[in-house]
Amino acid sequence: MVGVKRKRTEANQMAVEIIKISLDEDEPVNKKRLTDIAGLKFETGKAKRAQGKAERCAEHYHKSLQAMGDIVKAKEEADQLVAKYERENKECKDQLQELKATFNSMEQDAECEICKLPLWYLYLLPDCGHIFCEKCVHDWLEAVMKKHREQTNPGFLWSRPIPVPLEVVRGIVQPSVKYHVALTLFNKIQGQEQAQFKYSTMKSITQKLASTQWRNNASYRDPKTWRPTIAIGTNSFPFIISLNRDVTDKWQIAKA
């Protein structure tokens, strides 16, 4: 047994020496391989970095393409809107031209036959349906009335006092009288003295009666200075006022 162990030990030592010798012989080859492996690792890392950069560039390019697509789409929509607005603008211009042409044709028809001016203030004669300017109709009616007065009543004086219709006086005086009576009754109930008919009330009545103006004809009087005066007398308050009468002999009551 001892001899066998000795032989194994010697064999092992010989194997170790053979391995050492083989390693010593392969040492230049291993260094070259290590250098090649290191170079491959460097190139691999460089390639990976280049690949990552290329992927990022490709992603950025893809996003840029998407943005360009959105821009192109927005431009197409804007072009469609511009074309739509241009069509609508053209239609509006055509309609405007048609309206102008219609207005020009109507303007020739819508003019007063007396003064040949546009009929801004229309006045329709109900009996015949003719249309004239309001001023022309009033001037014509005043001239007709004056001529009629001169023919039927040569002694008629335009500046003489005009009789005041009772309904005019009643419509203006009655509210103030009712107020005065109501105030008097209220004071009696309260045990106070009878209310006096105030000067302000008299003034208000006078202003209401005199608030209208005569339709004057410049051919026979100055409308700025001439007004007819009428004297009205009652037991309570006599006063002198100016009243208005239009060309149809109808009274005009102005709003207070």
C-alpha atoms as a PDB file:
ATOM      1  CA  MET A   1       0.000   0.000   0.000  1.00  0.00           C
ATOM      2  CA  VAL A   2       2.830   2.305   0.774  1.00  0.00           C
ATOM      3  CA  GLY A   3       4.312   1.756  -2.641  1.00  0.00           C
ATOM      4  CA  VAL A   4       1.053   2.457  -4.345  1.00  0.00           C
ATOM      5  CA  LYS A   5       0.615   5.753  -2.505  1.00  0.00           C
ATOM      6  CA  ARG A   6       4.126   6.792  -3.382  1.00  0.00           C
ATOM      7  CA  LYS A   7       3.482   6.097  -7.052  1.00  0.00           C
ATOM      8  CA  ARG A   8       0.262   8.174  -6.971  1.00  0.00           C
ATOM      9  CA  THR A   9       2.057  11.069  -5.319  1.00  0.00           C
ATOM     10  CA  GLU A  10       4.772  11.030  -7.918  1.00  0.00           C
ATOM     11  CA  ALA A  11       2.182  10.863 -10.704  1.00  0.00           C
ATOM     12  CA  ASN A  12       0.365  13.853  -9.256  1.00  0.00           C
ATOM     13  CA  GLN A  13       3.528  15.870  -8.996  1.00  0.00           C
ATOM     14  CA  MET A  14       4.340  15.069 -12.598  1.00  0.00           C
ATOM     15  CA  ALA A  15       0.832  16.191 -13.690  1.00  0.00           C
ATOM     16  CA  VAL A  16       1.222  19.489 -11.815  1.00  0.00           C
ATOM     17  CA  GLU A  17       4.544  20.105 -13.459  1.00  0.00           C
ATOM     18  CA  ILE A  18       3.041  19.319 -16.885  1.00  0.00           C
ATOM     19  CA  ILE A  19       0.211  21.809 -16.259  1.00  0.00           C
ATOM     20  CA  LYS A  20       2.672  24.496 -15.156  1.00  0.00           C
ATOM     21  CA  ILE A  21       4.766  23.877 -18.233  1.00  0.00           C
ATOM     22  CA  SER A  22       1.669  24.060 -20.487  1.00  0.00           C
ATOM     23  CA  LEU A  23       0.568  27.313 -18.800  1.00  0.00           C
ATOM     24  CA  ASP A  24       3.974  28.800 -19.268  1.00  0.00           C
ATOM     25  CA  GLU A  25       3.899  27.876 -22.919  1.00  0.00           C
ATOM     26  CA  ASP A  26       0.282  29.370 -23.466  1.00  0.00           C
ATOM     27  CA  GLU A  27       0.844  32.646 -21.557  1.00  0.00           C
ATOM     28  CA  PRO A  28       1.445  34.877 -24.682  1.00  0.00           C
ATOM     29  CA  VAL A  29      -1.661  33.409 -26.320  1.00  0.00           C
ATOM     30  CA  ASN A  30      -3.855  34.200 -23.265  1.00  0.00           C
ATOM     31  CA  LYS A  31      -2.637  37.810 -23.118  1.00  0.00           C
ATOM     32  CA  LYS A  32      -3.566  38.277 -26.763  1.00  0.00           C
ATOM     33  CA  ARG A  33      -6.999  36.802 -26.163  1.00  0.00           C
ATOM     34  CA  LEU A  34      -7.554  39.064 -23.169  1.00  0.00           C
ATOM     35  CA  THR A  35      -6.581  42.054 -25.276  1.00  0.00           C
ATOM     36  CA  ASP A  36      -8.930  40.982 -28.024  1.00  0.00           C
ATOM     37  CA  ILE A  37     -11.761  40.441 -25.513  1.00  0.00           C
ATOM     38  CA  ALA A  38     -11.211  43.889 -23.997  1.00  0.00           C
ATOM     39  CA  GLY A  39     -11.263  45.432 -27.463  1.00  0.00           C
ATOM     40  CA  LEU A  40     -14.454  43.585 -28.295  1.00  0.00           C
ATOM     41  CA  LYS A  41     -16.070  44.777 -25.062  1.00  0.00           C
ATOM     42  CA  PHE A  42     -15.100  48.391 -25.875  1.00  0.00           C
ATOM     43  CA  GLU A  43     -16.447  48.101 -29.392  1.00  0.00           C
ATOM     44  CA  THR A  44     -19.607  46.450 -28.066  1.00  0.00           C
ATOM     45  CA  GLY A  45     -20.157  49.303 -25.587  1.00  0.00           C
ATOM     46  CA  LYS A  46     -19.496  51.856 -28.281  1.00  0.00           C
ATOM     47  CA  ALA A  47     -21.954  50.094 -30.587  1.00  0.00           C
ATOM     48  CA  LYS A  48     -24.578  50.002 -27.814  1.00  0.00           C
ATOM     49  CA  ARG A  49     -24.138  53.703 -27.166  1.00  0.00           C
ATOM     50  CA  ALA A  50     -24.440  54.423 -30.880  1.00  0.00           C
ATOM     51  CA  GLN A  51     -27.529  52.227 -31.037  1.00  0.00           C
ATOM     52  CA  GLY A  52     -29.127  54.093 -28.109  1.00  0.00           C
ATOM     53  CA  LYS A  53     -28.356  57.423 -29.740  1.00  0.00           C
ATOM     54  CA  ALA A  54     -29.790  56.160 -33.020  1.00  0.00           C
ATOM     55  CA  GLU A  55     -32.950  54.981 -31.232  1.00  0.00           C
ATOM     56  CA  ARG A  56     -33.360  58.370 -29.549  1.00  0.00           C
ATOM     57  CA  CYS A  57     -32.847  60.114 -32.877  1.00  0.00           C
ATOM     58  CA  ALA A  58     -35.384  57.809 -34.495  1.00  0.00           C
ATOM     59  CA  GLU A  59     -37.917  58.533 -31.709  1.00  0.00           C
ATOM     60  CA  HIS A  60     -37.344  62.275 -32.046  1.00  0.00           C
ATOM     61  CA  TYR A  61     -37.713  62.005 -35.802  1.00  0.00           C
ATOM     62  CA  HIS A  62     -40.945  60.062 -35.358  1.00  0.00           C
ATOM     63  CA  LYS A  63     -42.303  62.740 -33.034  1.00  0.00           C
ATOM     64  CA  SER A  64     -41.245  65.406 -35.514  1.00  0.00           C
ATOM     65  CA  LEU A  65     -43.080  63.562 -38.260  1.00  0.00           C
ATOM     66  CA  GLN A  66     -46.209  63.423 -36.093  1.00  0.00           C
ATOM     67  CA  ALA A  67     -45.934  67.156 -35.381  1.00  0.00           C
ATOM     68  CA  MET A  68     -45.476  67.852 -39.076  1.00  0.00           C
ATOM     69  CA  GLY A  69     -48.549  65.745 -39.790  1.00  0.00           C
ATOM     70  CA  ASP A  70     -50.566  67.750 -37.241  1.00  0.00           C
ATOM     71  CA  ILE A  71     -49.304  70.998 -38.777  1.00  0.00           C
ATOM     72  CA  VAL A  72     -50.238  69.847 -42.261  1.00  0.00           C
ATOM     73  CA  LYS A  73     -53.684  68.799 -41.024  1.00  0.00           C
ATOM     74  CA  ALA A  74     -54.194  72.148 -39.271  1.00  0.00           C
ATOM     75  CA  LYS A  75     -53.097  73.966 -42.425  1.00  0.00           C
ATOM     76  CA  GLU A  76     -55.589  72.000 -44.494  1.00  0.00           C
ATOM     77  CA  GLU A  77     -58.385  72.858 -42.045  1.00  0.00           C
ATOM     78  CA  ALA A  78     -57.329  76.524 -42.098  1.00  0.00           C
ATOM     79  CA  ASP A  79     -57.339  76.504 -45.894  1.00  0.00           C
ATOM     80  CA  GLN A  80     -60.836  75.019 -45.868  1.00  0.00           C
ATOM     81  CA  LEU A  81     -62.046  77.717 -43.452  1.00  0.00           C
ATOM     82  CA  VAL A  82     -60.440  80.437 -45.565  1.00  0.00           C
ATOM     83  CA  ALA A  83     -62.103  79.065 -48.684  1.00  0.00           C
ATOM     84  CA  LYS A  84     -65.442  78.891 -46.846  1.00  0.00           C
ATOM     85  CA  TYR A  85     -65.130  82.481 -45.590  1.00  0.00           C
ATOM     86  CA  GLU A  86     -64.137  83.665 -49.051  1.00  0.00           C
ATOM     87  CA  ARG A  87     -67.245  82.038 -50.512  1.00  0.00           C
ATOM     88  CA  GLU A  88     -69.449  83.576 -47.814  1.00  0.00           C
ATOM     89  CA  ASN A  89     -67.771  86.953 -48.307  1.00  0.00           C
ATOM     90  CA  LYS A  90     -68.402  86.755 -52.036  1.00  0.00           C
ATOM     91  CA  GLU A  91     -72.040  85.829 -51.402  1.00  0.00           C
ATOM     92  CA  CYS A  92     -72.406  88.775 -48.996  1.00  0.00           C
ATOM     93  CA  LYS A  93     -70.870  91.134 -51.545  1.00  0.00           C
ATOM     94  CA  ASP A  94     -73.244  89.849 -54.213  1.00  0.00           C
ATOM     95  CA  GLN A  95     -76.209  90.312 -51.863  1.00  0.00           C
ATOM     96  CA  LEU A  96     -74.979  93.806 -51.008  1.00  0.00           C
ATOM     97  CA  GLN A  97     -74.773  94.704 -54.670  1.00  0.00           C
ATOM     98  CA  GLU A  98     -78.298  93.369 -55.196  1.00  0.00           C
ATOM     99  CA  LEU A  99     -79.576  95.369 -52.212  1.00  0.00           C
ATOM    100  CA  LYS A 100     -77.861  98.511 -53.488  1.00  0.00           C
ATOM    101  CA  ALA A 101     -79.396  98.026 -56.901  1.00  0.00           C
ATOM    102  CA  THR A 102     -82.819  97.440 -55.319  1.00  0.00           C
ATOM    103  CA  PHE A 103     -82.405 100.496 -53.100  1.00  0.00           C
ATOM    104  CA  ASN A 104     -81.400 102.659 -56.045  1.00  0.00           C
ATOM    105  CA  SER A 105     -84.437 101.506 -57.992  1.00  0.00           C
ATOM    106  CA  MET A 106     -86.705 102.077 -54.979  1.00  0.00           C
ATOM    107  CA  GLU A 107     -85.159 105.456 -54.233  1.00  0.00           C
ATOM    108  CA  GLN A 108     -86.315 106.743 -57.580  1.00  0.00           C
ATOM    109  CA  ASP A 109     -89.862 105.666 -56.772  1.00  0.00           C
ATOM    110  CA  ALA A 110     -89.775 106.692 -53.082  1.00  0.00           C
ATOM    111  CA  GLU A 111     -89.518 110.415 -53.582  1.00  0.00           C
ATOM    112  CA  CYS A 112     -92.017 113.141 -52.947  1.00  0.00           C
ATOM    113  CA  GLU A 113     -93.746 114.335 -56.097  1.00  0.00           C
ATOM    114  CA  ILE A 114     -93.880 117.864 -54.701  1.00  0.00           C
ATOM    115  CA  CYS A 115     -90.350 118.573 -53.443  1.00  0.00           C
ATOM    116  CA  LYS A 116     -88.591 115.679 -55.270  1.00  0.00           C
ATOM    117  CA  LEU A 117     -86.767 114.660 -52.089  1.00  0.00           C
ATOM    118  CA  PRO A 118     -86.576 111.174 -50.513  1.00  0.00           C
ATOM    119  CA  LEU A 119     -89.607 110.280 -48.417  1.00  0.00           C
ATOM    120  CA  TRP A 120     -87.928 110.066 -45.022  1.00  0.00           C
ATOM    121  CA  TYR A 121     -91.150 111.093 -43.221  1.00  0.00           C
ATOM    122  CA  LEU A 122     -94.119 109.639 -45.074  1.00  0.00           C
ATOM    123  CA  TYR A 123     -97.600 111.078 -44.968  1.00  0.00           C
ATOM    124  CA  LEU A 124    -100.357 108.948 -46.515  1.00  0.00           C
ATOM    125  CA  LEU A 125    -103.594 110.482 -47.699  1.00  0.00           C
ATOM    126  CA  PRO A 126    -106.209 107.866 -46.742  1.00  0.00           C
ATOM    127  CA  ASP A 127    -108.825 108.903 -49.286  1.00  0.00           C
ATOM    128  CA  CYS A 128    -106.675 108.554 -52.402  1.00  0.00           C
ATOM    129  CA  GLY A 129    -103.631 106.626 -51.129  1.00  0.00           C
ATOM    130  CA  HIS A 130    -101.045 109.109 -52.384  1.00  0.00           C
ATOM    131  CA  ILE A 131     -97.849 109.537 -50.360  1.00  0.00           C
ATOM    132  CA  PHE A 132     -96.055 112.827 -49.842  1.00  0.00           C
ATOM    133  CA  CYS A 133     -93.624 114.397 -47.397  1.00  0.00           C
ATOM    134  CA  GLU A 134     -95.173 115.346 -44.084  1.00  0.00           C
ATOM    135  CA  LYS A 135     -93.961 118.932 -44.453  1.00  0.00           C
ATOM    136  CA  CYS A 136     -95.317 119.217 -47.997  1.00  0.00           C
ATOM    137  CA  VAL A 137     -98.730 117.939 -46.900  1.00  0.00           C
ATOM    138  CA  HIS A 138     -98.886 120.324 -43.946  1.00  0.00           C
ATOM    139  CA  ASP A 139     -97.804 123.270 -46.085  1.00  0.00           C
ATOM    140  CA  TRP A 140    -100.369 122.345 -48.697  1.00  0.00           C
ATOM    141  CA  LEU A 141    -103.157 121.981 -46.104  1.00  0.00           C
ATOM    142  CA  GLU A 142    -102.247 125.305 -44.530  1.00  0.00           C
ATOM    143  CA  ALA A 143    -102.331 127.005 -47.920  1.00  0.00           C
ATOM    144  CA  VAL A 144    -105.689 125.388 -48.728  1.00  0.00           C
ATOM    145  CA  MET A 145    -107.135 126.375 -45.361  1.00  0.00           C
ATOM    146  CA  LYS A 146    -105.913 129.937 -45.691  1.00  0.00           C
ATOM    147  CA  LYS A 147    -107.356 130.189 -49.185  1.00  0.00           C
ATOM    148  CA  HIS A 148    -110.620 128.657 -47.979  1.00  0.00           C
ATOM    149  CA  ARG A 149    -110.810 131.147 -45.098  1.00  0.00           C
ATOM    150  CA  GLU A 150    -110.146 134.042 -47.426  1.00  0.00           C
ATOM    151  CA  GLN A 151    -112.863 132.898 -49.822  1.00  0.00           C
ATOM    152  CA  THR A 152    -115.556 131.942 -47.314  1.00  0.00           C
ATOM    153  CA  ASN A 153    -114.784 134.526 -44.634  1.00  0.00           C
ATOM    154  CA  PRO A 154    -112.769 137.494 -45.949  1.00  0.00           C
ATOM    155  CA  GLY A 155    -112.936 139.199 -42.573  1.00  0.00           C
ATOM    156  CA  PHE A 156    -111.330 136.301 -40.709  1.00  0.00           C
ATOM    157  CA  LEU A 157    -108.371 137.390 -38.602  1.00  0.00           C
ATOM    158  CA  TRP A 158    -105.782 134.790 -37.765  1.00  0.00           C
ATOM    159  CA  SER A 159    -104.589 136.698 -34.715  1.00  0.00           C
ATOM    160  CA  ARG A 160    -107.971 137.028 -33.046  1.00  0.00           C
ATOM    161  CA  PRO A 161    -108.680 135.066 -29.827  1.00  0.00           C
ATOM    162  CA  ILE A 162    -109.748 131.506 -30.489  1.00  0.00           C
ATOM    163  CA  PRO A 163    -112.692 130.109 -28.494  1.00  0.00           C
ATOM    164  CA  VAL A 164    -111.488 127.473 -26.075  1.00  0.00           C
ATOM    165  CA  PRO A 165    -113.547 124.261 -26.160  1.00  0.00           C
ATOM    166  CA  LEU A 166    -115.023 123.317 -22.831  1.00  0.00           C
ATOM    167  CA  GLU A 167    -113.548 119.802 -22.935  1.00  0.00           C
ATOM    168  CA  VAL A 168    -110.040 121.261 -23.200  1.00  0.00           C
ATOM    169  CA  VAL A 169    -110.496 123.396 -20.095  1.00  0.00           C
ATOM    170  CA  ARG A 170    -112.256 120.594 -18.231  1.00  0.00           C
ATOM    171  CA  GLY A 171    -109.572 118.027 -19.064  1.00  0.00           C
ATOM    172  CA  ILE A 172    -106.814 120.282 -17.733  1.00  0.00           C
ATOM    173  CA  VAL A 173    -108.477 121.989 -14.776  1.00  0.00           C
ATOM    174  CA  GLN A 174    -110.515 119.087 -13.398  1.00  0.00           C
ATOM    175  CA  PRO A 175    -107.560 117.009 -12.030  1.00  0.00           C
ATOM    176  CA  SER A 176    -106.221 120.010 -10.102  1.00  0.00           C
ATOM    177  CA  VAL A 177    -109.670 120.857  -8.723  1.00  0.00           C
ATOM    178  CA  LYS A 178    -110.200 117.246  -7.631  1.00  0.00           C
ATOM    179  CA  TYR A 179    -106.859 117.276  -5.864  1.00  0.00           C
ATOM    180  CA  HIS A 180    -107.748 120.550  -4.099  1.00  0.00           C
ATOM    181  CA  VAL A 181    -111.151 119.195  -2.992  1.00  0.00           C
ATOM    182  CA  ALA A 182    -109.631 115.954  -1.722  1.00  0.00           C
ATOM    183  CA  LEU A 183    -106.969 117.870   0.204  1.00  0.00           C
ATOM    184  CA  THR A 184    -109.648 120.142   1.710  1.00  0.00           C
ATOM    185  CA  LEU A 185    -111.735 117.166   2.879  1.00  0.00           C
ATOM    186  CA  PHE A 186    -108.665 115.505   4.351  1.00  0.00           C
ATOM    187  CA  ASN A 187    -107.789 118.650   6.291  1.00  0.00           C
ATOM    188  CA  LYS A 188    -111.368 118.887   7.614  1.00  0.00           C
ATOM    189  CA  ILE A 189    -111.218 115.294   8.835  1.00  0.00           C
ATOM    190  CA  GLN A 190    -107.890 115.990  10.527  1.00  0.00           C
ATOM    191  CA  GLY A 191    -109.314 119.147  12.104  1.00  0.00           C
ATOM    192  CA  GLN A 192    -106.955 121.430  10.194  1.00  0.00           C
ATOM    193  CA  GLU A 193    -107.643 124.624   8.305  1.00  0.00           C
ATOM    194  CA  GLN A 194    -108.967 124.574   4.767  1.00  0.00           C
ATOM    195  CA  ALA A 195    -106.220 124.277   2.177  1.00  0.00           C
ATOM    196  CA  GLN A 196    -105.685 127.308  -0.028  1.00  0.00           C
ATOM    197  CA  PHE A 197    -105.640 127.002  -3.809  1.00  0.00           C
ATOM    198  CA  LYS A 198    -101.899 127.344  -4.279  1.00  0.00           C
ATOM    199  CA  TYR A 199    -100.279 129.607  -6.816  1.00  0.00           C
ATOM    200  CA  SER A 200     -98.178 126.651  -7.982  1.00  0.00           C
ATOM    201  CA  THR A 201    -101.364 124.796  -8.894  1.00  0.00           C
ATOM    202  CA  MET A 202    -102.582 127.779 -10.897  1.00  0.00           C
ATOM    203  CA  LYS A 203     -99.216 127.982 -12.621  1.00  0.00           C
ATOM    204  CA  SER A 204     -99.324 124.277 -13.454  1.00  0.00           C
ATOM    205  CA  ILE A 205    -102.775 124.620 -15.025  1.00  0.00           C
ATOM    206  CA  THR A 206    -101.645 127.635 -17.034  1.00  0.00           C
ATOM    207  CA  GLN A 207     -98.545 125.829 -18.292  1.00  0.00           C
ATOM    208  CA  LYS A 208    -100.591 122.814 -19.328  1.00  0.00           C
ATOM    209  CA  LEU A 209    -102.975 124.972 -21.297  1.00  0.00           C
ATOM    210  CA  ALA A 210    -100.149 126.941 -22.905  1.00  0.00           C
ATOM    211  CA  SER A 211     -97.791 124.017 -23.573  1.00  0.00           C
ATOM    212  CA  THR A 212     -98.910 123.389 -27.156  1.00  0.00           C
ATOM    213  CA  GLN A 213     -97.727 125.467 -30.084  1.00  0.00           C
ATOM    214  CA  TRP A 214     -99.398 126.787 -33.171  1.00  0.00           C
ATOM    215  CA  ARG A 215     -98.490 125.297 -36.549  1.00  0.00           C
ATOM    216  CA  ASN A 216     -97.332 128.505 -38.139  1.00  0.00           C
ATOM    217  CA  ASN A 217     -96.926 129.348 -41.773  1.00  0.00           C
ATOM    218  CA  ALA A 218     -93.918 131.560 -42.421  1.00  0.00           C
ATOM    219  CA  SER A 219     -95.662 133.132 -45.387  1.00  0.00           C
ATOM    220  CA  TYR A 220     -98.055 135.147 -43.231  1.00  0.00           C
ATOM    221  CA  ARG A 221     -96.506 135.200 -39.727  1.00  0.00           C
ATOM    222  CA  ASP A 222     -93.275 134.568 -37.855  1.00  0.00           C
ATOM    223  CA  PRO A 223     -93.593 131.195 -36.067  1.00  0.00           C
ATOM    224  CA  LYS A 224     -91.002 132.147 -33.451  1.00  0.00           C
ATOM    225  CA  THR A 225     -92.739 135.277 -32.165  1.00  0.00           C
ATOM    226  CA  TRP A 226     -96.454 135.022 -32.977  1.00  0.00           C
ATOM    227  CA  ARG A 227     -98.873 133.061 -30.789  1.00  0.00           C
ATOM    228  CA  PRO A 228    -102.591 133.610 -30.327  1.00  0.00           C
ATOM    229  CA  THR A 229    -103.694 134.621 -26.828  1.00  0.00           C
ATOM    230  CA  ILE A 230    -106.964 133.622 -25.224  1.00  0.00           C
ATOM    231  CA  ALA A 231    -108.461 135.076 -22.052  1.00  0.00           C
ATOM    232  CA  ILE A 232    -110.275 132.617 -19.822  1.00  0.00           C
ATOM    233  CA  GLY A 233    -112.112 133.901 -16.781  1.00  0.00           C
ATOM    234  CA  THR A 234    -113.676 132.018 -13.895  1.00  0.00           C
ATOM    235  CA  ASN A 235    -114.836 133.034 -10.460  1.00  0.00           C
ATOM    236  CA  SER A 236    -111.763 131.475  -8.856  1.00  0.00           C
ATOM    237  CA  PHE A 237    -108.823 132.170 -11.172  1.00  0.00           C
ATOM    238  CA  PRO A 238    -108.805 134.417 -14.221  1.00  0.00           C
ATOM    239  CA  PHE A 239    -105.713 134.118 -16.406  1.00  0.00           C
ATOM    240  CA  ILE A 240    -104.497 134.586 -19.970  1.00  0.00           C
ATOM    241  CA  ILE A 241    -102.972 131.665 -21.863  1.00  0.00           C
ATOM    242  CA  SER A 242    -101.662 130.690 -25.310  1.00  0.00           C
ATOM    243  CA  LEU A 243    -103.261 127.763 -27.077  1.00  0.00           C
ATOM    244  CA  ASN A 244    -102.566 125.690 -30.155  1.00  0.00           C
ATOM    245  CA  ARG A 245    -104.788 124.865 -33.094  1.00  0.00           C
ATOM    246  CA  ASP A 246    -103.644 122.758 -36.046  1.00  0.00           C
ATOM    247  CA  VAL A 247    -104.558 123.158 -39.714  1.00  0.00           C
ATOM    248  CA  THR A 248    -107.679 121.014 -39.362  1.00  0.00           C
ATOM    249  CA  ASP A 249    -109.149 123.192 -36.568  1.00  0.00           C
ATOM    250  CA  LYS A 250    -108.605 120.353 -34.085  1.00  0.00           C
ATOM    251  CA  TRP A 251    -107.180 121.159 -30.697  1.00  0.00           C
ATOM    252  CA  GLN A 252    -103.879 119.653 -29.658  1.00  0.00           C
ATOM    253  CA  ILE A 253    -103.369 119.061 -25.945  1.00  0.00           C
ATOM    254  CA  ALA A 254     -99.700 118.608 -25.112  1.00  0.00           C
ATOM    255  CA  LYS A 255     -98.621 116.157 -22.443  1.00  0.00           C
ATOM    256  CA  ALA A 256     -97.759 117.918 -19.226  1.00  0.00           C
END
